[in-house]
Amino acid sequence: MDRLVRLREDYGLRIIVAMQYGAAESSGQEAPWYGPPVLECAKKRGLETLDTYPPLKSLADRDPPRFKGLWLNEGGQLGHMSAAGNQLIASLLRDLLLKK
């Protein structure tokens, strides 16, 4: 995180730390243990953050077929994000970028 802060300061960059999770983690009852500490570390250093758990969990709960479409079926399990999943993450980042 300190390197990201230096990049922001040295080059005037806008940096967003985005926390992404796998399909099983995104549909669990709470965010995986490692997500909140990483995001808090970034926030303490003044970096913007995007936690993808809340929107993904919400989608998993309200529209399971659409949620499954965000992932590639890799040998019977949901693996990497599909084009639709990547588009969703990109739209979350876009919305955050446009807020400021």
Protein backbone atom coordinates (compact mmCIF):
# COMPACT_ATOMS: atom_id res chain seq x y z
CA MET A 1 0.00 0.00 0.00
CA ASP A 2 2.86 2.33 0.76
CA ARG A 3 4.14 1.89 -2.80
CA LEU A 4 0.72 2.81 -4.14
CA VAL A 5 0.70 5.93 -1.99
CA ARG A 6 4.12 6.89 -3.35
CA LEU A 7 2.92 6.40 -6.92
CA ARG A 8 -0.11 8.57 -6.20
CA GLU A 9 2.06 11.29 -4.70
CA ASP A 10 4.92 11.12 -7.21
CA TYR A 11 2.76 11.04 -10.33
CA GLY A 12 -0.54 12.57 -9.21
CA LEU A 13 -2.39 9.34 -9.93
CA ARG A 14 -5.83 8.45 -8.73
CA ILE A 15 -5.58 4.96 -7.27
CA ILE A 16 -8.45 2.68 -6.34
CA VAL A 17 -7.80 -0.55 -4.47
CA ALA A 18 -10.46 -3.01 -5.63
CA MET A 19 -11.08 -6.18 -3.63
CA GLN A 20 -12.39 -9.01 -5.77
CA TYR A 21 -13.50 -12.43 -4.63
CA GLY A 22 -14.29 -15.77 -6.21
CA ALA A 23 -17.84 -17.00 -6.74
CA ALA A 24 -18.01 -19.08 -3.55
CA GLU A 25 -16.57 -16.24 -1.48
CA SER A 26 -18.93 -13.70 -3.04
CA SER A 27 -22.00 -15.71 -2.12
CA GLY A 28 -20.95 -16.56 1.46
CA GLN A 29 -22.71 -15.12 4.49
CA GLU A 30 -19.93 -12.59 5.05
CA ALA A 31 -16.94 -11.25 3.20
CA PRO A 32 -13.84 -13.46 3.39
CA TRP A 33 -11.59 -12.74 6.34
CA TYR A 34 -8.84 -11.14 4.24
CA GLY A 35 -10.97 -8.52 2.50
CA PRO A 36 -11.78 -6.06 5.29
CA PRO A 37 -8.19 -5.77 6.62
CA VAL A 38 -6.79 -5.10 3.15
CA LEU A 39 -9.42 -2.45 2.45
CA GLU A 40 -8.87 -0.87 5.86
CA CYS A 41 -5.12 -0.76 5.24
CA ALA A 42 -5.75 1.10 1.96
CA LYS A 43 -8.23 3.50 3.57
CA LYS A 44 -5.82 4.34 6.39
CA ARG A 45 -3.33 5.44 3.75
CA GLY A 46 -5.92 7.64 2.05
CA LEU A 47 -6.49 5.36 -0.93
CA GLU A 48 -9.92 4.92 -2.46
CA THR A 49 -11.40 1.45 -2.19
CA LEU A 50 -13.97 -0.70 -3.89
CA ASP A 51 -15.27 -3.78 -2.10
CA THR A 52 -17.04 -6.00 -4.62
CA TYR A 53 -18.49 -8.30 -1.96
CA PRO A 54 -21.68 -6.29 -1.20
CA PRO A 55 -22.89 -5.99 -4.81
CA LEU A 56 -21.91 -9.56 -5.68
CA LYS A 57 -23.52 -10.99 -2.54
CA SER A 58 -26.69 -9.01 -3.25
CA LEU A 59 -26.82 -10.37 -6.79
CA ALA A 60 -26.16 -13.93 -5.57
CA ASP A 61 -29.11 -13.63 -3.18
CA ARG A 62 -31.64 -12.01 -5.50
CA ASP A 63 -30.73 -13.46 -8.91
CA PRO A 64 -28.71 -16.72 -8.68
CA PRO A 65 -28.82 -17.47 -12.44
CA ARG A 66 -27.44 -14.03 -13.30
CA PHE A 67 -24.81 -14.40 -10.56
CA LYS A 68 -23.69 -17.74 -12.02
CA GLY A 69 -23.38 -16.05 -15.41
CA LEU A 70 -20.69 -13.79 -13.98
CA TRP A 71 -18.31 -16.76 -13.77
CA LEU A 72 -16.85 -19.30 -16.17
CA ASN A 73 -17.68 -22.94 -15.53
CA GLU A 74 -14.27 -24.50 -15.07
CA GLY A 75 -14.61 -28.23 -14.65
CA GLY A 76 -17.92 -28.10 -12.83
CA GLN A 77 -17.08 -25.18 -10.58
CA LEU A 78 -17.37 -21.45 -11.01
CA GLY A 79 -13.88 -20.16 -11.74
CA HIS A 80 -12.64 -16.95 -13.32
CA MET A 81 -15.06 -14.18 -14.11
CA SER A 82 -16.79 -14.25 -17.46
CA ALA A 83 -17.09 -11.26 -19.79
CA ALA A 84 -20.32 -10.38 -17.95
CA GLY A 85 -18.51 -10.55 -14.61
CA ASN A 86 -15.67 -8.38 -15.85
CA GLN A 87 -18.21 -5.92 -17.23
CA LEU A 88 -19.92 -5.72 -13.83
CA ILE A 89 -16.61 -5.01 -12.07
CA ALA A 90 -15.73 -2.40 -14.70
CA SER A 91 -19.11 -0.71 -14.18
CA LEU A 92 -18.54 -0.59 -10.40
CA LEU A 93 -15.16 1.03 -10.98
CA ARG A 94 -16.64 3.45 -13.54
CA ASP A 95 -19.33 4.51 -11.08
CA LEU A 96 -16.71 5.15 -8.41
CA LEU A 97 -14.53 7.10 -10.83
CA LEU A 98 -17.44 9.29 -11.90
CA LYS A 99 -18.45 10.10 -8.32
CA LYS A 100 -15.54 12.51 -7.89
